[in-house]
Amino acid sequence: MKWFALILIVVFAAVIAAFVVLDRTADRSPEQPAVEENMPMILEEMVEQTHLQMTNVTTTLSWLVIGFAVFMQVIAWIAAVQKLGAVKKSGMGMEERFLQLDAIEIYFDLPLYFGLFGTVLSFILITLYPEAGLMFAYVSTALGILMAVILRLFFLTPYRQDLISRRKSVTGIS
């Protein structure tokens, strides 16, 4: 579990560092030409160049936050599958395995929690870059729901059903 917390801290620090770098890049102004008396203060080329830079920053930021959401879901997936594998390999009795499954059920909800965490981060991001923040909220929430459903439907539930059928066959209950 320590490696899990360490990875999350490192990833969070990397995302914050990316925000700072992108924000500083967006604040840089292009070289300004010498001002003459008849020259307007804002040139059309400067406005177009600034707009293009902001579009590039927003696109890059969108992909970074989507990558962060996917990374968080991969971490949740690995944690859930590892815990389920440990229960399967434990060699304990069926009742103990049911108790262990109840104890590790939180790992199958991690994708939902990470999706909600991403949504909260997107509210912060929306204040700086609205398009990137909305993209992150949608992707993070959708991935969280999808991963939690897949983990439960294809990993946890089949194993529980297998344990139930084995318990019935051992005890002779119909």
C-alpha atoms as a PDB file:
ATOM      1  CA  MET A   1       0.000   0.000   0.000  1.00  0.00           C
ATOM      2  CA  LYS A   2       2.969   2.305   0.572  1.00  0.00           C
ATOM      3  CA  TRP A   3       3.967   2.076  -3.106  1.00  0.00           C
ATOM      4  CA  PHE A   4       0.430   2.997  -4.069  1.00  0.00           C
ATOM      5  CA  ALA A   5       0.452   6.177  -1.971  1.00  0.00           C
ATOM      6  CA  LEU A   6       3.932   7.071  -3.200  1.00  0.00           C
ATOM      7  CA  ILE A   7       2.906   6.716  -6.848  1.00  0.00           C
ATOM      8  CA  LEU A   8      -0.176   8.889  -6.302  1.00  0.00           C
ATOM      9  CA  ILE A   9       1.896  11.600  -4.617  1.00  0.00           C
ATOM     10  CA  VAL A  10       4.473  11.583  -7.423  1.00  0.00           C
ATOM     11  CA  VAL A  11       1.790  11.722 -10.121  1.00  0.00           C
ATOM     12  CA  PHE A  12      -0.054  14.522  -8.344  1.00  0.00           C
ATOM     13  CA  ALA A  13       3.192  16.502  -8.021  1.00  0.00           C
ATOM     14  CA  ALA A  14       3.902  15.933 -11.729  1.00  0.00           C
ATOM     15  CA  VAL A  15       0.467  17.215 -12.716  1.00  0.00           C
ATOM     16  CA  ILE A  16       0.871  20.313 -10.540  1.00  0.00           C
ATOM     17  CA  ALA A  17       4.315  20.919 -12.060  1.00  0.00           C
ATOM     18  CA  ALA A  18       2.823  20.589 -15.555  1.00  0.00           C
ATOM     19  CA  PHE A  19       0.154  23.166 -14.666  1.00  0.00           C
ATOM     20  CA  VAL A  20       2.817  25.585 -13.450  1.00  0.00           C
ATOM     21  CA  VAL A  21       4.976  25.102 -16.557  1.00  0.00           C
ATOM     22  CA  LEU A  22       2.019  25.476 -18.919  1.00  0.00           C
ATOM     23  CA  ASP A  23       0.790  28.543 -17.051  1.00  0.00           C
ATOM     24  CA  ARG A  24       4.198  30.191 -17.292  1.00  0.00           C
ATOM     25  CA  THR A  25       4.384  29.334 -20.994  1.00  0.00           C
ATOM     26  CA  ALA A  26       0.978  30.917 -21.569  1.00  0.00           C
ATOM     27  CA  ASP A  27       2.034  34.109 -19.752  1.00  0.00           C
ATOM     28  CA  ARG A  28       5.041  34.741 -21.991  1.00  0.00           C
ATOM     29  CA  SER A  29       4.386  37.401 -24.535  1.00  0.00           C
ATOM     30  CA  PRO A  30       5.978  37.299 -27.966  1.00  0.00           C
ATOM     31  CA  GLU A  31       8.695  39.786 -28.767  1.00  0.00           C
ATOM     32  CA  GLN A  32       7.091  43.133 -29.236  1.00  0.00           C
ATOM     33  CA  PRO A  33       8.123  45.304 -32.131  1.00  0.00           C
ATOM     34  CA  ALA A  34       9.362  48.818 -31.578  1.00  0.00           C
ATOM     35  CA  VAL A  35       6.424  51.139 -31.022  1.00  0.00           C
ATOM     36  CA  GLU A  36       6.030  53.982 -33.448  1.00  0.00           C
ATOM     37  CA  GLU A  37       3.641  56.862 -33.062  1.00  0.00           C
ATOM     38  CA  ASN A  38       1.157  55.670 -35.712  1.00  0.00           C
ATOM     39  CA  MET A  39       1.421  51.971 -34.866  1.00  0.00           C
ATOM     40  CA  PRO A  40      -1.500  50.436 -32.915  1.00  0.00           C
ATOM     41  CA  MET A  41      -0.678  48.970 -29.512  1.00  0.00           C
ATOM     42  CA  ILE A  42      -2.135  45.511 -30.263  1.00  0.00           C
ATOM     43  CA  LEU A  43      -1.344  43.966 -33.592  1.00  0.00           C
ATOM     44  CA  GLU A  44      -3.662  41.466 -35.213  1.00  0.00           C
ATOM     45  CA  GLU A  45      -0.751  39.042 -35.603  1.00  0.00           C
ATOM     46  CA  MET A  46      -0.077  39.217 -31.881  1.00  0.00           C
ATOM     47  CA  VAL A  47      -3.677  38.388 -31.074  1.00  0.00           C
ATOM     48  CA  GLU A  48      -3.668  35.446 -33.503  1.00  0.00           C
ATOM     49  CA  GLN A  49      -0.367  34.172 -32.125  1.00  0.00           C
ATOM     50  CA  THR A  50      -1.614  34.427 -28.531  1.00  0.00           C
ATOM     51  CA  HIS A  51      -4.821  32.625 -29.452  1.00  0.00           C
ATOM     52  CA  LEU A  52      -2.818  29.858 -31.143  1.00  0.00           C
ATOM     53  CA  GLN A  53      -0.575  29.517 -28.073  1.00  0.00           C
ATOM     54  CA  MET A  54      -3.566  29.262 -25.739  1.00  0.00           C
ATOM     55  CA  THR A  55      -5.152  26.638 -28.001  1.00  0.00           C
ATOM     56  CA  ASN A  56      -1.937  24.609 -27.899  1.00  0.00           C
ATOM     57  CA  VAL A  57      -1.684  24.924 -24.120  1.00  0.00           C
ATOM     58  CA  THR A  58      -5.314  23.847 -23.667  1.00  0.00           C
ATOM     59  CA  THR A  59      -4.885  20.863 -25.993  1.00  0.00           C
ATOM     60  CA  THR A  60      -1.711  19.757 -24.232  1.00  0.00           C
ATOM     61  CA  LEU A  61      -3.309  20.203 -20.836  1.00  0.00           C
ATOM     62  CA  SER A  62      -6.380  18.230 -21.919  1.00  0.00           C
ATOM     63  CA  TRP A  63      -4.240  15.279 -22.947  1.00  0.00           C
ATOM     64  CA  LEU A  64      -2.222  15.485 -19.731  1.00  0.00           C
ATOM     65  CA  VAL A  65      -5.278  15.350 -17.521  1.00  0.00           C
ATOM     66  CA  ILE A  66      -6.842  12.546 -19.549  1.00  0.00           C
ATOM     67  CA  GLY A  67      -3.584  10.625 -19.194  1.00  0.00           C
ATOM     68  CA  PHE A  68      -3.643  11.262 -15.449  1.00  0.00           C
ATOM     69  CA  ALA A  69      -7.220   9.938 -15.226  1.00  0.00           C
ATOM     70  CA  VAL A  70      -6.258   6.798 -17.141  1.00  0.00           C
ATOM     71  CA  PHE A  71      -3.174   6.321 -14.963  1.00  0.00           C
ATOM     72  CA  MET A  72      -5.262   6.538 -11.792  1.00  0.00           C
ATOM     73  CA  GLN A  73      -7.664   3.929 -13.182  1.00  0.00           C
ATOM     74  CA  VAL A  74      -4.790   1.586 -14.056  1.00  0.00           C
ATOM     75  CA  ILE A  75      -3.498   1.875 -10.484  1.00  0.00           C
ATOM     76  CA  ALA A  76      -6.985   1.080  -9.134  1.00  0.00           C
ATOM     77  CA  TRP A  77      -7.300  -1.892 -11.507  1.00  0.00           C
ATOM     78  CA  ILE A  78      -3.930  -3.340 -10.463  1.00  0.00           C
ATOM     79  CA  ALA A  79      -4.725  -2.931  -6.760  1.00  0.00           C
ATOM     80  CA  ALA A  80      -8.117  -4.673  -7.077  1.00  0.00           C
ATOM     81  CA  VAL A  81      -6.799  -7.567  -9.160  1.00  0.00           C
ATOM     82  CA  GLN A  82      -3.838  -8.089  -6.815  1.00  0.00           C
ATOM     83  CA  LYS A  83      -6.079  -8.211  -3.746  1.00  0.00           C
ATOM     84  CA  LEU A  84      -8.487 -10.633  -5.420  1.00  0.00           C
ATOM     85  CA  GLY A  85      -5.559 -12.819  -6.480  1.00  0.00           C
ATOM     86  CA  ALA A  86      -4.303 -12.878  -2.898  1.00  0.00           C
ATOM     87  CA  VAL A  87      -7.708 -14.073  -1.678  1.00  0.00           C
ATOM     88  CA  LYS A  88      -7.810 -16.777  -4.353  1.00  0.00           C
ATOM     89  CA  LYS A  89      -4.332 -18.005  -3.424  1.00  0.00           C
ATOM     90  CA  SER A  90      -4.882 -17.781   0.330  1.00  0.00           C
ATOM     91  CA  GLY A  91      -5.922 -21.428   0.697  1.00  0.00           C
ATOM     92  CA  MET A  92      -8.340 -20.546   3.485  1.00  0.00           C
ATOM     93  CA  GLY A  93     -11.778 -21.982   3.953  1.00  0.00           C
ATOM     94  CA  MET A  94     -14.774 -20.663   2.086  1.00  0.00           C
ATOM     95  CA  GLU A  95     -16.184 -18.650   4.979  1.00  0.00           C
ATOM     96  CA  GLU A  96     -12.820 -16.945   5.515  1.00  0.00           C
ATOM     97  CA  ARG A  97     -12.640 -16.156   1.796  1.00  0.00           C
ATOM     98  CA  PHE A  98     -16.090 -14.562   1.929  1.00  0.00           C
ATOM     99  CA  LEU A  99     -14.926 -12.452   4.860  1.00  0.00           C
ATOM    100  CA  GLN A 100     -11.784 -11.475   2.959  1.00  0.00           C
ATOM    101  CA  LEU A 101     -13.858 -10.524  -0.074  1.00  0.00           C
ATOM    102  CA  ASP A 102     -15.956  -8.274   2.125  1.00  0.00           C
ATOM    103  CA  ALA A 103     -12.785  -6.709   3.505  1.00  0.00           C
ATOM    104  CA  ILE A 104     -11.267  -5.967   0.071  1.00  0.00           C
ATOM    105  CA  GLU A 105     -14.447  -4.725  -1.563  1.00  0.00           C
ATOM    106  CA  ILE A 106     -13.178  -1.152  -1.218  1.00  0.00           C
ATOM    107  CA  TYR A 107     -10.554  -1.906  -3.887  1.00  0.00           C
ATOM    108  CA  PHE A 108     -13.334  -2.555  -6.391  1.00  0.00           C
ATOM    109  CA  ASP A 109     -14.758   0.883  -5.599  1.00  0.00           C
ATOM    110  CA  LEU A 110     -11.413   2.679  -6.059  1.00  0.00           C
ATOM    111  CA  PRO A 111     -12.120   3.529  -9.722  1.00  0.00           C
ATOM    112  CA  LEU A 112     -15.280   5.353  -8.635  1.00  0.00           C
ATOM    113  CA  TYR A 113     -13.417   7.273  -5.959  1.00  0.00           C
ATOM    114  CA  PHE A 114     -10.607   8.153  -8.351  1.00  0.00           C
ATOM    115  CA  GLY A 115     -13.213   9.297 -10.872  1.00  0.00           C
ATOM    116  CA  LEU A 116     -14.778  11.556  -8.252  1.00  0.00           C
ATOM    117  CA  PHE A 117     -11.334  12.829  -7.259  1.00  0.00           C
ATOM    118  CA  GLY A 118     -10.711  13.692 -10.903  1.00  0.00           C
ATOM    119  CA  THR A 119     -14.013  15.512 -11.082  1.00  0.00           C
ATOM    120  CA  VAL A 120     -13.092  17.614  -8.051  1.00  0.00           C
ATOM    121  CA  LEU A 121      -9.711  18.403  -9.624  1.00  0.00           C
ATOM    122  CA  SER A 122     -11.516  19.432 -12.795  1.00  0.00           C
ATOM    123  CA  PHE A 123     -13.470  22.070 -10.875  1.00  0.00           C
ATOM    124  CA  ILE A 124     -10.159  23.609  -9.898  1.00  0.00           C
ATOM    125  CA  LEU A 125      -8.852  23.291 -13.451  1.00  0.00           C
ATOM    126  CA  ILE A 126     -11.974  24.909 -14.919  1.00  0.00           C
ATOM    127  CA  THR A 127     -11.026  28.218 -13.320  1.00  0.00           C
ATOM    128  CA  LEU A 128      -7.816  28.318 -15.396  1.00  0.00           C
ATOM    129  CA  TYR A 129      -8.650  26.373 -18.565  1.00  0.00           C
ATOM    130  CA  PRO A 130     -12.397  25.746 -19.010  1.00  0.00           C
ATOM    131  CA  GLU A 131     -12.173  23.369 -21.986  1.00  0.00           C
ATOM    132  CA  ALA A 132      -9.542  21.157 -20.367  1.00  0.00           C
ATOM    133  CA  GLY A 133     -11.420  21.078 -17.067  1.00  0.00           C
ATOM    134  CA  LEU A 134     -14.663  19.932 -18.657  1.00  0.00           C
ATOM    135  CA  MET A 135     -12.857  17.259 -20.657  1.00  0.00           C
ATOM    136  CA  PHE A 136     -11.186  15.959 -17.502  1.00  0.00           C
ATOM    137  CA  ALA A 137     -14.464  15.858 -15.580  1.00  0.00           C
ATOM    138  CA  TYR A 138     -16.211  13.856 -18.287  1.00  0.00           C
ATOM    139  CA  VAL A 139     -13.355  11.434 -18.890  1.00  0.00           C
ATOM    140  CA  SER A 140     -12.524  10.900 -15.233  1.00  0.00           C
ATOM    141  CA  THR A 141     -16.114  10.225 -14.189  1.00  0.00           C
ATOM    142  CA  ALA A 142     -16.876   7.974 -17.160  1.00  0.00           C
ATOM    143  CA  LEU A 143     -13.691   5.946 -16.722  1.00  0.00           C
ATOM    144  CA  GLY A 144     -14.324   5.537 -13.007  1.00  0.00           C
ATOM    145  CA  ILE A 145     -17.822   4.180 -13.546  1.00  0.00           C
ATOM    146  CA  LEU A 146     -16.753   1.927 -16.409  1.00  0.00           C
ATOM    147  CA  MET A 147     -13.761   0.442 -14.583  1.00  0.00           C
ATOM    148  CA  ALA A 148     -15.716  -0.200 -11.373  1.00  0.00           C
ATOM    149  CA  VAL A 149     -18.462  -1.990 -13.312  1.00  0.00           C
ATOM    150  CA  ILE A 150     -15.963  -4.108 -15.269  1.00  0.00           C
ATOM    151  CA  LEU A 151     -14.042  -5.081 -12.135  1.00  0.00           C
ATOM    152  CA  ARG A 152     -17.211  -6.085 -10.322  1.00  0.00           C
ATOM    153  CA  LEU A 153     -18.907  -7.871 -13.243  1.00  0.00           C
ATOM    154  CA  PHE A 154     -15.942  -9.784 -14.586  1.00  0.00           C
ATOM    155  CA  PHE A 155     -13.762 -10.363 -11.521  1.00  0.00           C
ATOM    156  CA  LEU A 156     -15.505 -10.060  -8.157  1.00  0.00           C
ATOM    157  CA  THR A 157     -18.983 -11.413  -8.940  1.00  0.00           C
ATOM    158  CA  PRO A 158     -17.834 -14.534 -10.840  1.00  0.00           C
ATOM    159  CA  TYR A 159     -15.462 -15.448  -8.015  1.00  0.00           C
ATOM    160  CA  ARG A 160     -18.204 -14.991  -5.419  1.00  0.00           C
ATOM    161  CA  GLN A 161     -20.567 -17.109  -7.501  1.00  0.00           C
ATOM    162  CA  ASP A 162     -17.892 -19.795  -7.774  1.00  0.00           C
ATOM    163  CA  LEU A 163     -17.408 -19.800  -3.999  1.00  0.00           C
ATOM    164  CA  ILE A 164     -21.160 -20.023  -3.437  1.00  0.00           C
ATOM    165  CA  SER A 165     -21.524 -22.970  -5.802  1.00  0.00           C
ATOM    166  CA  ARG A 166     -18.568 -24.742  -4.163  1.00  0.00           C
ATOM    167  CA  ARG A 167     -20.022 -24.120  -0.711  1.00  0.00           C
ATOM    168  CA  LYS A 168     -23.356 -25.577  -1.807  1.00  0.00           C
ATOM    169  CA  SER A 169     -21.699 -28.661  -3.265  1.00  0.00           C
ATOM    170  CA  VAL A 170     -19.625 -29.232  -0.112  1.00  0.00           C
ATOM    171  CA  THR A 171     -22.517 -28.763   2.328  1.00  0.00           C
ATOM    172  CA  GLY A 172     -25.107 -30.414   0.095  1.00  0.00           C
ATOM    173  CA  ILE A 173     -27.457 -27.411   0.171  1.00  0.00           C
ATOM    174  CA  SER A 174     -29.633 -27.008  -2.920  1.00  0.00           C
END
